[in-house]
Amino acid sequence: MSAPERLIRKYANRKLYDTYTSSYVTLEEVAQLIREGLRVTIKCNQTKCDITYRTLLQLLYEMERKTLGDKNTEMLESVIKSDNGTFAGYISQLQQTC
Protein backbone atom coordinates (compact mmCIF):
# COMPACT_ATOMS: atom_id res chain seq x y z
CA MET A 1 0.00 0.00 0.00
CA SER A 2 1.49 3.35 -1.00
CA ALA A 3 1.69 6.32 1.35
CA PRO A 4 -1.03 8.98 1.15
CA GLU A 5 -0.11 11.89 -1.09
CA ARG A 6 -0.30 15.57 -0.28
CA LEU A 7 -0.43 18.23 -2.99
CA ILE A 8 1.49 21.41 -2.25
CA ARG A 9 1.32 24.40 -4.58
CA LYS A 10 4.15 26.89 -4.84
CA TYR A 11 3.08 30.42 -5.64
CA ALA A 12 5.05 33.18 -7.38
CA ASN A 13 5.72 34.78 -4.00
CA ARG A 14 7.56 31.53 -3.07
CA LYS A 15 4.94 30.54 -0.52
CA LEU A 16 3.96 26.89 -0.28
CA TYR A 17 0.25 26.11 0.04
CA ASP A 18 -1.00 22.75 1.32
CA THR A 19 -4.21 22.01 -0.57
CA TYR A 20 -5.30 19.43 2.02
CA THR A 21 -5.25 21.79 5.01
CA SER A 22 -5.92 24.93 2.97
CA SER A 23 -3.03 26.71 4.62
CA TYR A 24 0.47 27.94 3.89
CA VAL A 25 3.33 25.71 5.04
CA THR A 26 7.07 26.11 5.50
CA LEU A 27 9.80 23.86 4.12
CA GLU A 28 10.22 22.46 7.64
CA GLU A 29 6.53 21.55 7.72
CA VAL A 30 6.91 19.79 4.36
CA ALA A 31 9.83 17.84 5.86
CA GLN A 32 7.62 16.86 8.79
CA LEU A 33 4.92 15.57 6.42
CA ILE A 34 7.54 13.37 4.75
CA ARG A 35 8.83 12.14 8.14
CA GLU A 36 5.24 11.16 8.97
CA GLY A 37 5.19 8.92 5.90
CA LEU A 38 3.23 11.12 3.52
CA ARG A 39 4.30 11.56 -0.08
CA VAL A 40 4.29 15.14 -1.26
CA THR A 41 3.92 16.49 -4.75
CA ILE A 42 4.83 20.12 -5.20
CA LYS A 43 3.56 21.95 -8.26
CA CYS A 44 4.19 25.43 -9.51
CA ASN A 45 0.80 27.14 -9.33
CA GLN A 46 1.53 29.28 -12.38
CA THR A 47 2.92 26.67 -14.82
CA LYS A 48 1.42 23.53 -13.20
CA CYS A 49 4.87 21.89 -13.55
CA ASP A 50 5.97 19.32 -10.99
CA ILE A 51 8.75 20.96 -8.97
CA THR A 52 8.91 18.36 -6.19
CA TYR A 53 12.51 17.32 -6.86
CA ARG A 54 13.80 20.87 -7.00
CA THR A 55 11.92 21.87 -3.83
CA LEU A 56 13.11 18.83 -1.89
CA LEU A 57 16.69 19.65 -2.90
CA GLN A 58 16.12 23.14 -1.55
CA LEU A 59 14.75 21.60 1.64
CA LEU A 60 17.84 19.41 2.06
CA TYR A 61 20.10 22.40 1.45
CA GLU A 62 18.30 24.48 4.09
CA MET A 63 18.39 21.64 6.63
CA GLU A 64 22.12 21.06 6.07
CA ARG A 65 22.88 24.76 6.21
CA LYS A 66 21.09 25.11 9.54
CA THR A 67 22.66 22.06 11.18
CA LEU A 68 26.17 21.95 9.74
CA GLY A 69 26.83 25.41 8.44
CA ASP A 70 29.84 25.55 6.15
CA LYS A 71 31.90 23.09 8.14
CA ASN A 72 31.43 19.68 6.50
CA THR A 73 33.16 20.09 3.15
CA GLU A 74 34.61 16.55 3.35
CA MET A 75 31.15 15.05 2.89
CA LEU A 76 30.45 17.27 -0.11
CA GLU A 77 33.81 16.36 -1.63
CA SER A 78 32.89 12.67 -1.24
CA VAL A 79 29.63 13.29 -3.08
CA ILE A 80 31.44 15.09 -5.91
CA LYS A 81 33.99 12.24 -6.17
CA SER A 82 31.23 9.61 -6.38
CA ASP A 83 30.28 7.78 -9.60
CA ASN A 84 28.60 10.72 -11.32
CA GLY A 85 29.19 13.50 -8.82
CA THR A 86 25.62 13.56 -7.54
CA PHE A 87 23.88 12.67 -4.29
CA ALA A 88 22.15 9.84 -6.16
CA GLY A 89 25.51 8.44 -7.26
CA TYR A 90 26.92 8.77 -3.77
CA ILE A 91 23.94 7.02 -2.18
CA SER A 92 24.14 4.27 -4.80
CA GLN A 93 27.78 3.70 -3.88
CA LEU A 94 26.87 3.56 -0.19
CA GLN A 95 24.12 1.03 -0.87
CA GLN A 96 26.52 -1.19 -2.81
CA THR A 97 28.92 -1.34 0.14
CA CYS A 98 26.20 -2.43 2.60
PDB file of N, CA and C in Angstrom:
ATOM      1  N   MET A   1       0.839  -1.168   0.000  1.00  0.00           N
ATOM      2  CA  MET A   1       0.000   0.000   0.000  1.00  0.00           C
ATOM      3  C   MET A   1       0.894   1.245   0.000  1.00  0.00           C
ATOM      4  N   SER A   2       0.662   2.164  -0.914  1.00  0.00           N
ATOM      5  CA  SER A   2       1.495   3.355  -1.000  1.00  0.00           C
ATOM      6  C   SER A   2       1.041   4.397   0.018  1.00  0.00           C
ATOM      7  N   ALA A   3       1.976   5.271   0.355  1.00  0.00           N
ATOM      8  CA  ALA A   3       1.693   6.318   1.345  1.00  0.00           C
ATOM      9  C   ALA A   3       0.709   7.328   0.764  1.00  0.00           C
ATOM     10  N   PRO A   4      -0.120   7.928   1.619  1.00  0.00           N
ATOM     11  CA  PRO A   4      -1.026   8.980   1.154  1.00  0.00           C
ATOM     12  C   PRO A   4      -0.224  10.132   0.548  1.00  0.00           C
ATOM     13  N   GLU A   5      -0.814  10.800  -0.413  1.00  0.00           N
ATOM     14  CA  GLU A   5      -0.113  11.886  -1.095  1.00  0.00           C
ATOM     15  C   GLU A   5      -0.728  13.225  -0.757  1.00  0.00           C
ATOM     16  N   ARG A   6       0.130  14.215  -0.610  1.00  0.00           N
ATOM     17  CA  ARG A   6      -0.301  15.573  -0.279  1.00  0.00           C
ATOM     18  C   ARG A   6       0.162  16.494  -1.402  1.00  0.00           C
ATOM     19  N   LEU A   7      -0.758  17.277  -1.938  1.00  0.00           N
ATOM     20  CA  LEU A   7      -0.433  18.233  -2.991  1.00  0.00           C
ATOM     21  C   LEU A   7      -0.127  19.589  -2.371  1.00  0.00           C
ATOM     22  N   ILE A   8       1.049  20.094  -2.700  1.00  0.00           N
ATOM     23  CA  ILE A   8       1.489  21.413  -2.245  1.00  0.00           C
ATOM     24  C   ILE A   8       1.666  22.272  -3.493  1.00  0.00           C
ATOM     25  N   ARG A   9       1.149  23.468  -3.461  1.00  0.00           N
ATOM     26  CA  ARG A   9       1.315  24.402  -4.577  1.00  0.00           C
ATOM     27  C   ARG A   9       2.292  25.495  -4.164  1.00  0.00           C
ATOM     28  N   LYS A  10       3.195  25.819  -5.095  1.00  0.00           N
ATOM     29  CA  LYS A  10       4.151  26.890  -4.839  1.00  0.00           C
ATOM     30  C   LYS A  10       3.744  28.097  -5.660  1.00  0.00           C
ATOM     31  N   TYR A  11       3.522  29.195  -4.985  1.00  0.00           N
ATOM     32  CA  TYR A  11       3.079  30.423  -5.638  1.00  0.00           C
ATOM     33  C   TYR A  11       4.264  31.294  -6.028  1.00  0.00           C
ATOM     34  N   ALA A  12       4.009  32.281  -6.878  1.00  0.00           N
ATOM     35  CA  ALA A  12       5.055  33.175  -7.379  1.00  0.00           C
ATOM     36  C   ALA A  12       5.773  33.899  -6.249  1.00  0.00           C
ATOM     37  N   ASN A  13       5.089  34.118  -5.144  1.00  0.00           N
ATOM     38  CA  ASN A  13       5.718  34.779  -3.996  1.00  0.00           C
ATOM     39  C   ASN A  13       6.548  33.797  -3.155  1.00  0.00           C
ATOM     40  N   ARG A  14       6.768  32.610  -3.671  1.00  0.00           N
ATOM     41  CA  ARG A  14       7.562  31.534  -3.071  1.00  0.00           C
ATOM     42  C   ARG A  14       6.901  30.866  -1.878  1.00  0.00           C
ATOM     43  N   LYS A  15       5.647  31.186  -1.618  1.00  0.00           N
ATOM     44  CA  LYS A  15       4.943  30.535  -0.524  1.00  0.00           C
ATOM     45  C   LYS A  15       4.439  29.170  -0.973  1.00  0.00           C
ATOM     46  N   LEU A  16       4.448  28.233  -0.037  1.00  0.00           N
ATOM     47  CA  LEU A  16       3.956  26.885  -0.277  1.00  0.00           C
ATOM     48  C   LEU A  16       2.580  26.749   0.357  1.00  0.00           C
ATOM     49  N   TYR A  17       1.634  26.201  -0.403  1.00  0.00           N
ATOM     50  CA  TYR A  17       0.246  26.105   0.045  1.00  0.00           C
ATOM     51  C   TYR A  17      -0.185  24.649   0.031  1.00  0.00           C
ATOM     52  N   ASP A  18      -0.536  24.127   1.178  1.00  0.00           N
ATOM     53  CA  ASP A  18      -1.001  22.753   1.318  1.00  0.00           C
ATOM     54  C   ASP A  18      -2.488  22.713   0.965  1.00  0.00           C
ATOM     55  N   THR A  19      -2.817  22.035  -0.114  1.00  0.00           N
ATOM     56  CA  THR A  19      -4.209  22.009  -0.570  1.00  0.00           C
ATOM     57  C   THR A  19      -5.102  21.163   0.335  1.00  0.00           C
ATOM     58  N   TYR A  20      -4.511  20.271   1.110  1.00  0.00           N
ATOM     59  CA  TYR A  20      -5.299  19.431   2.016  1.00  0.00           C
ATOM     60  C   TYR A  20      -5.785  20.224   3.227  1.00  0.00           C
ATOM     61  N   THR A  21      -4.881  21.016   3.815  1.00  0.00           N
ATOM     62  CA  THR A  21      -5.246  21.787   5.014  1.00  0.00           C
ATOM     63  C   THR A  21      -5.685  23.205   4.675  1.00  0.00           C
ATOM     64  N   SER A  22      -5.583  23.567   3.410  1.00  0.00           N
ATOM     65  CA  SER A  22      -5.916  24.928   2.967  1.00  0.00           C
ATOM     66  C   SER A  22      -5.157  25.988   3.759  1.00  0.00           C
ATOM     67  N   SER A  23      -3.848  25.759   3.877  1.00  0.00           N
ATOM     68  CA  SER A  23      -3.028  26.708   4.623  1.00  0.00           C
ATOM     69  C   SER A  23      -1.608  26.729   4.042  1.00  0.00           C
ATOM     70  N   TYR A  24      -0.925  27.830   4.304  1.00  0.00           N
ATOM     71  CA  TYR A  24       0.465  27.939   3.889  1.00  0.00           C
ATOM     72  C   TYR A  24       1.336  27.108   4.825  1.00  0.00           C
ATOM     73  N   VAL A  25       2.404  26.525   4.263  1.00  0.00           N
ATOM     74  CA  VAL A  25       3.329  25.707   5.040  1.00  0.00           C
ATOM     75  C   VAL A  25       4.754  26.145   4.756  1.00  0.00           C
ATOM     76  N   THR A  26       5.651  25.824   5.665  1.00  0.00           N
ATOM     77  CA  THR A  26       7.070  26.109   5.498  1.00  0.00           C
ATOM     78  C   THR A  26       7.768  24.860   4.958  1.00  0.00           C
ATOM     79  N   LEU A  27       9.015  25.021   4.548  1.00  0.00           N
ATOM     80  CA  LEU A  27       9.796  23.860   4.123  1.00  0.00           C
ATOM     81  C   LEU A  27       9.934  22.860   5.270  1.00  0.00           C
ATOM     82  N   GLU A  28      10.109  23.346   6.478  1.00  0.00           N
ATOM     83  CA  GLU A  28      10.221  22.457   7.635  1.00  0.00           C
ATOM     84  C   GLU A  28       8.939  21.659   7.833  1.00  0.00           C
ATOM     85  N   GLU A  29       7.795  22.273   7.604  1.00  0.00           N
ATOM     86  CA  GLU A  29       6.529  21.553   7.721  1.00  0.00           C
ATOM     87  C   GLU A  29       6.384  20.510   6.615  1.00  0.00           C
ATOM     88  N   VAL A  30       6.896  20.786   5.439  1.00  0.00           N
ATOM     89  CA  VAL A  30       6.912  19.792   4.358  1.00  0.00           C
ATOM     90  C   VAL A  30       7.787  18.614   4.779  1.00  0.00           C
ATOM     91  N   ALA A  31       8.946  18.907   5.368  1.00  0.00           N
ATOM     92  CA  ALA A  31       9.831  17.843   5.861  1.00  0.00           C
ATOM     93  C   ALA A  31       9.112  16.985   6.894  1.00  0.00           C
ATOM     94  N   GLN A  32       8.349  17.605   7.769  1.00  0.00           N
ATOM     95  CA  GLN A  32       7.616  16.857   8.792  1.00  0.00           C
ATOM     96  C   GLN A  32       6.564  15.948   8.163  1.00  0.00           C
ATOM     97  N   LEU A  33       5.892  16.419   7.126  1.00  0.00           N
ATOM     98  CA  LEU A  33       4.917  15.570   6.420  1.00  0.00           C
ATOM     99  C   LEU A  33       5.606  14.317   5.882  1.00  0.00           C
ATOM    100  N   ILE A  34       6.789  14.503   5.308  1.00  0.00           N
ATOM    101  CA  ILE A  34       7.542  13.373   4.745  1.00  0.00           C
ATOM    102  C   ILE A  34       7.966  12.426   5.861  1.00  0.00           C
ATOM    103  N   ARG A  35       8.439  12.979   6.982  1.00  0.00           N
ATOM    104  CA  ARG A  35       8.827  12.142   8.136  1.00  0.00           C
ATOM    105  C   ARG A  35       7.646  11.320   8.645  1.00  0.00           C
ATOM    106  N   GLU A  36       6.443  11.862   8.520  1.00  0.00           N
ATOM    107  CA  GLU A  36       5.239  11.158   8.968  1.00  0.00           C
ATOM    108  C   GLU A  36       4.785  10.094   7.977  1.00  0.00           C
ATOM    109  N   GLY A  37       5.500   9.969   6.860  1.00  0.00           N
ATOM    110  CA  GLY A  37       5.186   8.922   5.897  1.00  0.00           C
ATOM    111  C   GLY A  37       4.331   9.354   4.723  1.00  0.00           C
ATOM    112  N   LEU A  38       4.019  10.635   4.651  1.00  0.00           N
ATOM    113  CA  LEU A  38       3.228  11.120   3.517  1.00  0.00           C
ATOM    114  C   LEU A  38       4.137  11.378   2.321  1.00  0.00           C
ATOM    115  N   ARG A  39       3.608  11.170   1.149  1.00  0.00           N
ATOM    116  CA  ARG A  39       4.304  11.557  -0.078  1.00  0.00           C
ATOM    117  C   ARG A  39       3.804  12.945  -0.433  1.00  0.00           C
ATOM    118  N   VAL A  40       4.707  13.798  -0.861  1.00  0.00           N
ATOM    119  CA  VAL A  40       4.291  15.135  -1.263  1.00  0.00           C
ATOM    120  C   VAL A  40       4.588  15.336  -2.742  1.00  0.00           C
ATOM    121  N   THR A  41       3.701  16.033  -3.393  1.00  0.00           N
ATOM    122  CA  THR A  41       3.921  16.491  -4.754  1.00  0.00           C
ATOM    123  C   THR A  41       3.810  18.002  -4.698  1.00  0.00           C
ATOM    124  N   ILE A  42       4.821  18.664  -5.227  1.00  0.00           N
ATOM    125  CA  ILE A  42       4.834  20.118  -5.199  1.00  0.00           C
ATOM    126  C   ILE A  42       4.762  20.611  -6.635  1.00  0.00           C
ATOM    127  N   LYS A  43       3.765  21.431  -6.905  1.00  0.00           N
ATOM    128  CA  LYS A  43       3.559  21.948  -8.260  1.00  0.00           C
ATOM    129  C   LYS A  43       3.612  23.462  -8.250  1.00  0.00           C
ATOM    130  N   CYS A  44       4.183  23.993  -9.307  1.00  0.00           N
ATOM    131  CA  CYS A  44       4.188  25.433  -9.505  1.00  0.00           C
ATOM    132  C   CYS A  44       2.757  25.839  -9.841  1.00  0.00           C
ATOM    133  N   ASN A  45       2.187  26.753  -9.100  1.00  0.00           N
ATOM    134  CA  ASN A  45       0.805  27.139  -9.328  1.00  0.00           C
ATOM    135  C   ASN A  45       0.620  27.820 -10.684  1.00  0.00           C
ATOM    136  N   GLN A  46       1.637  28.537 -11.126  1.00  0.00           N
ATOM    137  CA  GLN A  46       1.526  29.282 -12.382  1.00  0.00           C
ATOM    138  C   GLN A  46       1.634  28.368 -13.601  1.00  0.00           C
ATOM    139  N   THR A  47       2.663  27.501 -13.631  1.00  0.00           N
ATOM    140  CA  THR A  47       2.915  26.672 -14.815  1.00  0.00           C
ATOM    141  C   THR A  47       2.315  25.270 -14.710  1.00  0.00           C
ATOM    142  N   LYS A  48       1.941  24.874 -13.498  1.00  0.00           N
ATOM    143  CA  LYS A  48       1.423  23.534 -13.197  1.00  0.00           C
ATOM    144  C   LYS A  48       2.487  22.450 -13.325  1.00  0.00           C
ATOM    145  N   CYS A  49       3.761  22.843 -13.452  1.00  0.00           N
ATOM    146  CA  CYS A  49       4.873  21.891 -13.551  1.00  0.00           C
ATOM    147  C   CYS A  49       5.157  21.266 -12.190  1.00  0.00           C
ATOM    148  N   ASP A  50       5.573  20.006 -12.210  1.00  0.00           N
ATOM    149  CA  ASP A  50       5.968  19.320 -10.985  1.00  0.00           C
ATOM    150  C   ASP A  50       7.364  19.814 -10.595  1.00  0.00           C
ATOM    151  N   ILE A  51       7.463  20.439  -9.443  1.00  0.00           N
ATOM    152  CA  ILE A  51       8.750  20.959  -8.965  1.00  0.00           C
ATOM    153  C   ILE A  51       9.141  20.287  -7.647  1.00  0.00           C
ATOM    154  N   THR A  52       8.640  19.079  -7.427  1.00  0.00           N
ATOM    155  CA  THR A  52       8.908  18.363  -6.188  1.00  0.00           C
ATOM    156  C   THR A  52      10.401  18.144  -5.984  1.00  0.00           C
ATOM    157  N   TYR A  53      11.079  17.627  -6.980  1.00  0.00           N
ATOM    158  CA  TYR A  53      12.506  17.317  -6.859  1.00  0.00           C
ATOM    159  C   TYR A  53      13.301  18.563  -6.498  1.00  0.00           C
ATOM    160  N   ARG A  54      13.072  19.619  -7.216  1.00  0.00           N
ATOM    161  CA  ARG A  54      13.795  20.875  -6.998  1.00  0.00           C
ATOM    162  C   ARG A  54      13.521  21.428  -5.597  1.00  0.00           C
ATOM    163  N   THR A  55      12.281  21.339  -5.150  1.00  0.00           N
ATOM    164  CA  THR A  55      11.917  21.866  -3.835  1.00  0.00           C
ATOM    165  C   THR A  55      12.505  21.016  -2.721  1.00  0.00           C
ATOM    166  N   LEU A  56      12.518  19.702  -2.900  1.00  0.00           N
ATOM    167  CA  LEU A  56      13.110  18.833  -1.886  1.00  0.00           C
ATOM    168  C   LEU A  56      14.622  19.028  -1.806  1.00  0.00           C
ATOM    169  N   LEU A  57      15.265  19.304  -2.935  1.00  0.00           N
ATOM    170  CA  LEU A  57      16.691  19.650  -2.896  1.00  0.00           C
ATOM    171  C   LEU A  57      16.910  20.933  -2.102  1.00  0.00           C
ATOM    172  N   GLN A  58      16.044  21.892  -2.309  1.00  0.00           N
ATOM    173  CA  GLN A  58      16.123  23.140  -1.553  1.00  0.00           C
ATOM    174  C   GLN A  58      15.931  22.857  -0.054  1.00  0.00           C
ATOM    175  N   LEU A  59      14.999  21.983   0.260  1.00  0.00           N
ATOM    176  CA  LEU A  59      14.749  21.601   1.643  1.00  0.00           C
ATOM    177  C   LEU A  59      15.995  20.980   2.267  1.00  0.00           C
ATOM    178  N   LEU A  60      16.618  20.038   1.558  1.00  0.00           N
ATOM    179  CA  LEU A  60      17.843  19.413   2.058  1.00  0.00           C
ATOM    180  C   LEU A  60      18.940  20.450   2.270  1.00  0.00           C
ATOM    181  N   TYR A  61      19.090  21.353   1.329  1.00  0.00           N
ATOM    182  CA  TYR A  61      20.098  22.404   1.451  1.00  0.00           C
ATOM    183  C   TYR A  61      19.861  23.229   2.715  1.00  0.00           C
ATOM    184  N   GLU A  62      18.621  23.645   2.924  1.00  0.00           N
ATOM    185  CA  GLU A  62      18.298  24.477   4.091  1.00  0.00           C
ATOM    186  C   GLU A  62      18.535  23.716   5.395  1.00  0.00           C
ATOM    187  N   MET A  63      18.176  22.437   5.423  1.00  0.00           N
ATOM    188  CA  MET A  63      18.387  21.637   6.629  1.00  0.00           C
ATOM    189  C   MET A  63      19.873  21.476   6.921  1.00  0.00           C
ATOM    190  N   GLU A  64      20.671  21.201   5.897  1.00  0.00           N
ATOM    191  CA  GLU A  64      22.115  21.056   6.073  1.00  0.00           C
ATOM    192  C   GLU A  64      22.748  22.371   6.506  1.00  0.00           C
ATOM    193  N   ARG A  65      22.327  23.450   5.893  1.00  0.00           N
ATOM    194  CA  ARG A  65      22.878  24.764   6.206  1.00  0.00           C
ATOM    195  C   ARG A  65      22.621  25.116   7.675  1.00  0.00           C
ATOM    196  N   LYS A  66      21.443  24.788   8.156  1.00  0.00           N
ATOM    197  CA  LYS A  66      21.091  25.107   9.541  1.00  0.00           C
ATOM    198  C   LYS A  66      21.834  24.233  10.539  1.00  0.00           C
ATOM    199  N   THR A  67      22.047  22.958  10.209  1.00  0.00           N
ATOM    200  CA  THR A  67      22.657  22.055  11.179  1.00  0.00           C
ATOM    201  C   THR A  67      24.177  22.019  11.097  1.00  0.00           C
ATOM    202  N   LEU A  68      24.723  22.086   9.895  1.00  0.00           N
ATOM    203  CA  LEU A  68      26.167  21.946   9.744  1.00  0.00           C
ATOM    204  C   LEU A  68      26.882  23.244   9.409  1.00  0.00           C
ATOM    205  N   GLY A  69      26.163  24.185   8.883  1.00  0.00           N
ATOM    206  CA  GLY A  69      26.834  25.413   8.437  1.00  0.00           C
ATOM    207  C   GLY A  69      27.751  25.109   7.271  1.00  0.00           C
ATOM    208  N   ASP A  70      28.889  25.741   7.247  1.00  0.00           N
ATOM    209  CA  ASP A  70      29.844  25.545   6.153  1.00  0.00           C
ATOM    210  C   ASP A  70      31.008  24.654   6.570  1.00  0.00           C
ATOM    211  N   LYS A  71      30.795  23.815   7.537  1.00  0.00           N
ATOM    212  CA  LYS A  71      31.900  23.088   8.137  1.00  0.00           C
ATOM    213  C   LYS A  71      32.196  21.720   7.525  1.00  0.00           C
ATOM    214  N   ASN A  72      31.226  21.060   6.933  1.00  0.00           N
ATOM    215  CA  ASN A  72      31.428  19.678   6.496  1.00  0.00           C
ATOM    216  C   ASN A  72      31.716  19.581   5.000  1.00  0.00           C
ATOM    217  N   THR A  73      32.822  20.146   4.568  1.00  0.00           N
ATOM    218  CA  THR A  73      33.159  20.087   3.147  1.00  0.00           C
ATOM    219  C   THR A  73      33.643  18.696   2.736  1.00  0.00           C
ATOM    220  N   GLU A  74      34.149  17.906   3.679  1.00  0.00           N
ATOM    221  CA  GLU A  74      34.610  16.549   3.347  1.00  0.00           C
ATOM    222  C   GLU A  74      33.474  15.703   2.787  1.00  0.00           C
ATOM    223  N   MET A  75      32.295  15.817   3.383  1.00  0.00           N
ATOM    224  CA  MET A  75      31.153  15.051   2.894  1.00  0.00           C
ATOM    225  C   MET A  75      30.799  15.481   1.469  1.00  0.00           C
ATOM    226  N   LEU A  76      30.780  16.777   1.229  1.00  0.00           N
ATOM    227  CA  LEU A  76      30.446  17.265  -0.109  1.00  0.00           C
ATOM    228  C   LEU A  76      31.496  16.836  -1.127  1.00  0.00           C
ATOM    229  N   GLU A  77      32.757  16.830  -0.725  1.00  0.00           N
ATOM    230  CA  GLU A  77      33.810  16.355  -1.625  1.00  0.00           C
ATOM    231  C   GLU A  77      33.610  14.888  -1.967  1.00  0.00           C
ATOM    232  N   SER A  78      33.172  14.089  -0.990  1.00  0.00           N
ATOM    233  CA  SER A  78      32.891  12.673  -1.243  1.00  0.00           C
ATOM    234  C   SER A  78      31.766  12.509  -2.248  1.00  0.00           C
ATOM    235  N   VAL A  79      30.753  13.338  -2.133  1.00  0.00           N
ATOM    236  CA  VAL A  79      29.634  13.290  -3.077  1.00  0.00           C
ATOM    237  C   VAL A  79      30.132  13.621  -4.480  1.00  0.00           C
ATOM    238  N   ILE A  80      30.929  14.672  -4.603  1.00  0.00           N
ATOM    239  CA  ILE A  80      31.442  15.086  -5.914  1.00  0.00           C
ATOM    240  C   ILE A  80      32.346  14.021  -6.513  1.00  0.00           C
ATOM    241  N   LYS A  81      33.087  13.295  -5.690  1.00  0.00           N
ATOM    242  CA  LYS A  81      33.990  12.242  -6.166  1.00  0.00           C
ATOM    243  C   LYS A  81      33.251  10.946  -6.510  1.00  0.00           C
ATOM    244  N   SER A  82      31.976  10.841  -6.142  1.00  0.00           N
ATOM    245  CA  SER A  82      31.227   9.609  -6.383  1.00  0.00           C
ATOM    246  C   SER A  82      31.058   9.364  -7.887  1.00  0.00           C
ATOM    247  N   ASP A  83      30.424   8.235  -8.217  1.00  0.00           N
ATOM    248  CA  ASP A  83      30.285   7.784  -9.605  1.00  0.00           C
ATOM    249  C   ASP A  83      29.990   8.901 -10.597  1.00  0.00           C
ATOM    250  N   ASN A  84      28.939   9.659 -10.370  1.00  0.00           N
ATOM    251  CA  ASN A  84      28.595  10.716 -11.324  1.00  0.00           C
ATOM    252  C   ASN A  84      28.541  12.096 -10.675  1.00  0.00           C
ATOM    253  N   GLY A  85      29.111  12.210  -9.473  1.00  0.00           N
ATOM    254  CA  GLY A  85      29.192  13.503  -8.822  1.00  0.00           C
ATOM    255  C   GLY A  85      27.879  14.038  -8.293  1.00  0.00           C
ATOM    256  N   THR A  86      26.928  13.140  -8.026  1.00  0.00           N
ATOM    257  CA  THR A  86      25.623  13.560  -7.538  1.00  0.00           C
ATOM    258  C   THR A  86      25.314  12.844  -6.222  1.00  0.00           C
ATOM    259  N   PHE A  87      24.317  13.363  -5.494  1.00  0.00           N
ATOM    260  CA  PHE A  87      23.881  12.671  -4.287  1.00  0.00           C
ATOM    261  C   PHE A  87      23.382  11.273  -4.632  1.00  0.00           C
ATOM    262  N   ALA A  88      22.672  11.148  -5.753  1.00  0.00           N
ATOM    263  CA  ALA A  88      22.151   9.836  -6.164  1.00  0.00           C
ATOM    264  C   ALA A  88      23.294   8.845  -6.389  1.00  0.00           C
ATOM    265  N   GLY A  89      24.358   9.300  -7.046  1.00  0.00           N
ATOM    266  CA  GLY A  89      25.514   8.438  -7.265  1.00  0.00           C
ATOM    267  C   GLY A  89      26.192   8.060  -5.960  1.00  0.00           C
ATOM    268  N   TYR A  90      26.297   9.007  -5.068  1.00  0.00           N
ATOM    269  CA  TYR A  90      26.916   8.770  -3.765  1.00  0.00           C
ATOM    270  C   TYR A  90      26.111   7.758  -2.957  1.00  0.00           C
ATOM    271  N   ILE A  91      24.798   7.939  -2.925  1.00  0.00           N
ATOM    272  CA  ILE A  91      23.936   7.021  -2.177  1.00  0.00           C
ATOM    273  C   ILE A  91      23.991   5.628  -2.804  1.00  0.00           C
ATOM    274  N   SER A  92      24.029   5.567  -4.123  1.00  0.00           N
ATOM    275  CA  SER A  92      24.145   4.271  -4.802  1.00  0.00           C
ATOM    276  C   SER A  92      25.418   3.554  -4.393  1.00  0.00           C
ATOM    277  N   GLN A  93      26.516   4.293  -4.327  1.00  0.00           N
ATOM    278  CA  GLN A  93      27.779   3.699  -3.880  1.00  0.00           C
ATOM    279  C   GLN A  93      27.680   3.194  -2.439  1.00  0.00           C
ATOM    280  N   LEU A  94      27.044   3.971  -1.577  1.00  0.00           N
ATOM    281  CA  LEU A  94      26.873   3.562  -0.188  1.00  0.00           C
ATOM    282  C   LEU A  94      26.042   2.289  -0.091  1.00  0.00           C
ATOM    283  N   GLN A  95      25.003   2.194  -0.893  1.00  0.00           N
ATOM    284  CA  GLN A  95      24.118   1.029  -0.868  1.00  0.00           C
ATOM    285  C   GLN A  95      24.860  -0.210  -1.358  1.00  0.00           C
ATOM    286  N   GLN A  96      25.770  -0.049  -2.302  1.00  0.00           N
ATOM    287  CA  GLN A  96      26.520  -1.193  -2.815  1.00  0.00           C
ATOM    288  C   GLN A  96      27.501  -1.735  -1.789  1.00  0.00           C
ATOM    289  N   THR A  97      27.961  -0.901  -0.872  1.00  0.00           N
ATOM    290  CA  THR A  97      28.917  -1.344   0.135  1.00  0.00           C
ATOM    291  C   THR A  97      28.241  -1.986   1.337  1.00  0.00           C
ATOM    292  N   CYS A  98      26.930  -1.846   1.446  1.00  0.00           N
ATOM    293  CA  CYS A  98      26.200  -2.431   2.602  1.00  0.00           C
ATOM    294  C   CYS A  98      25.879  -3.875   2.370  1.00  0.00           C
TER     295      CYS A  98
END
